[in-house]
Amino acid sequence: MTFSRPTPSGRRITATPRVREEPDIDRLVTLVLHLAEQLHQEEAQDRAVHARDDQTTVPGDDAGEAKEGHDNDALAASIA
């Protein structure tokens, strides 16, 4: 069974798989470790993005509300 595909430049790449009696365990282990490392890096990047998002808008953060309340109290005191 031959596999072929065209490249963006118009060339055609053709490959014929080699059939082996036993799989190459060392290459399979290397592939699995490589895929696991990529997945780990992607998850670490996702966690970093979520951590940055959480730092900018922390649930229960009353700092903005306290400033508004403080400004309103000063305004109320000056009116009274």
C-alpha atoms as a PDB file:
ATOM      1  CA  MET A   1       0.000   0.000   0.000  1.00  0.00           C
ATOM      2  CA  THR A   2       1.569   3.283  -1.134  1.00  0.00           C
ATOM      3  CA  PHE A   3       0.725   6.654   0.364  1.00  0.00           C
ATOM      4  CA  SER A   4       1.150   9.862  -1.603  1.00  0.00           C
ATOM      5  CA  ARG A   5       0.189  13.495  -1.246  1.00  0.00           C
ATOM      6  CA  PRO A   6       0.874  16.729  -3.131  1.00  0.00           C
ATOM      7  CA  THR A   7       2.947  19.486  -1.527  1.00  0.00           C
ATOM      8  CA  PRO A   8       1.952  23.174  -1.666  1.00  0.00           C
ATOM      9  CA  SER A   9       4.585  23.687  -4.391  1.00  0.00           C
ATOM     10  CA  GLY A  10       2.977  21.006  -6.596  1.00  0.00           C
ATOM     11  CA  ARG A  11       5.430  18.184  -5.970  1.00  0.00           C
ATOM     12  CA  ARG A  12       4.137  14.755  -5.082  1.00  0.00           C
ATOM     13  CA  ILE A  13       5.506  12.902  -2.034  1.00  0.00           C
ATOM     14  CA  THR A  14       5.180   9.117  -2.128  1.00  0.00           C
ATOM     15  CA  ALA A  15       5.928   6.673   0.681  1.00  0.00           C
ATOM     16  CA  THR A  16       5.750   2.916   0.975  1.00  0.00           C
ATOM     17  CA  PRO A  17       5.562   1.548   4.531  1.00  0.00           C
ATOM     18  CA  ARG A  18       8.034  -1.096   5.647  1.00  0.00           C
ATOM     19  CA  VAL A  19       6.324  -4.071   7.222  1.00  0.00           C
ATOM     20  CA  ARG A  20       8.191  -5.482  10.228  1.00  0.00           C
ATOM     21  CA  GLU A  21       7.590  -8.665  12.140  1.00  0.00           C
ATOM     22  CA  GLU A  22       8.007  -6.869  15.473  1.00  0.00           C
ATOM     23  CA  PRO A  23       7.543  -3.181  16.228  1.00  0.00           C
ATOM     24  CA  ASP A  24      10.603  -1.089  17.054  1.00  0.00           C
ATOM     25  CA  ILE A  25       9.975  -0.681  20.789  1.00  0.00           C
ATOM     26  CA  ASP A  26      12.697   1.947  21.259  1.00  0.00           C
ATOM     27  CA  ARG A  27      11.149   4.201  18.610  1.00  0.00           C
ATOM     28  CA  LEU A  28       7.657   3.667  20.036  1.00  0.00           C
ATOM     29  CA  VAL A  29       8.839   4.608  23.544  1.00  0.00           C
ATOM     30  CA  THR A  30      10.589   7.681  22.146  1.00  0.00           C
ATOM     31  CA  LEU A  31       7.418   8.702  20.314  1.00  0.00           C
ATOM     32  CA  VAL A  32       5.224   8.260  23.398  1.00  0.00           C
ATOM     33  CA  LEU A  33       7.640  10.269  25.560  1.00  0.00           C
ATOM     34  CA  HIS A  34       7.788  13.014  22.947  1.00  0.00           C
ATOM     35  CA  LEU A  35       3.984  13.221  22.744  1.00  0.00           C
ATOM     36  CA  ALA A  36       3.686  13.247  26.546  1.00  0.00           C
ATOM     37  CA  GLU A  37       6.219  16.073  26.783  1.00  0.00           C
ATOM     38  CA  GLN A  38       4.343  18.132  24.188  1.00  0.00           C
ATOM     39  CA  LEU A  39       1.065  17.595  26.017  1.00  0.00           C
ATOM     40  CA  HIS A  40       2.673  18.575  29.317  1.00  0.00           C
ATOM     41  CA  GLN A  41       4.040  21.804  27.789  1.00  0.00           C
ATOM     42  CA  GLU A  42       0.654  22.700  26.298  1.00  0.00           C
ATOM     43  CA  GLU A  43      -1.081  22.118  29.629  1.00  0.00           C
ATOM     44  CA  ALA A  44       1.547  24.208  31.432  1.00  0.00           C
ATOM     45  CA  GLN A  45       0.973  27.055  28.963  1.00  0.00           C
ATOM     46  CA  ASP A  46      -2.788  26.805  29.459  1.00  0.00           C
ATOM     47  CA  ARG A  47      -2.346  26.914  33.241  1.00  0.00           C
ATOM     48  CA  ALA A  48      -0.079  29.969  32.923  1.00  0.00           C
ATOM     49  CA  VAL A  49      -2.656  31.775  30.793  1.00  0.00           C
ATOM     50  CA  HIS A  50      -5.432  30.958  33.268  1.00  0.00           C
ATOM     51  CA  ALA A  51      -3.241  32.061  36.188  1.00  0.00           C
ATOM     52  CA  ARG A  52      -2.627  35.430  34.527  1.00  0.00           C
ATOM     53  CA  ASP A  53      -6.347  35.801  33.867  1.00  0.00           C
ATOM     54  CA  ASP A  54      -7.114  34.971  37.492  1.00  0.00           C
ATOM     55  CA  GLN A  55      -4.635  37.594  38.727  1.00  0.00           C
ATOM     56  CA  THR A  56      -6.291  40.369  36.757  1.00  0.00           C
ATOM     57  CA  THR A  57      -9.831  39.528  37.852  1.00  0.00           C
ATOM     58  CA  VAL A  58      -9.773  37.776  41.185  1.00  0.00           C
ATOM     59  CA  PRO A  59     -13.202  36.680  42.391  1.00  0.00           C
ATOM     60  CA  GLY A  60     -14.062  38.302  45.710  1.00  0.00           C
ATOM     61  CA  ASP A  61     -11.538  41.115  45.215  1.00  0.00           C
ATOM     62  CA  ASP A  62     -13.072  44.083  47.005  1.00  0.00           C
ATOM     63  CA  ALA A  63     -10.309  46.604  46.195  1.00  0.00           C
ATOM     64  CA  GLY A  64     -12.320  48.279  43.436  1.00  0.00           C
ATOM     65  CA  GLU A  65     -15.487  48.306  45.516  1.00  0.00           C
ATOM     66  CA  ALA A  66     -13.672  49.721  48.541  1.00  0.00           C
ATOM     67  CA  LYS A  67     -12.336  52.632  46.481  1.00  0.00           C
ATOM     68  CA  GLU A  68     -15.804  53.388  45.186  1.00  0.00           C
ATOM     69  CA  GLY A  69     -17.248  53.174  48.684  1.00  0.00           C
ATOM     70  CA  HIS A  70     -14.478  55.383  50.040  1.00  0.00           C
ATOM     71  CA  ASP A  71     -15.042  58.018  47.343  1.00  0.00           C
ATOM     72  CA  ASN A  72     -18.762  57.982  47.990  1.00  0.00           C
ATOM     73  CA  ASP A  73     -18.218  58.368  51.743  1.00  0.00           C
ATOM     74  CA  ALA A  74     -16.010  61.424  51.167  1.00  0.00           C
ATOM     75  CA  LEU A  75     -18.623  62.911  48.858  1.00  0.00           C
ATOM     76  CA  ALA A  76     -21.399  62.190  51.366  1.00  0.00           C
ATOM     77  CA  ALA A  77     -19.386  63.767  54.190  1.00  0.00           C
ATOM     78  CA  SER A  78     -18.752  66.934  52.197  1.00  0.00           C
ATOM     79  CA  ILE A  79     -22.441  67.240  51.317  1.00  0.00           C
ATOM     80  CA  ALA A  80     -23.613  66.817  54.907  1.00  0.00           C
END
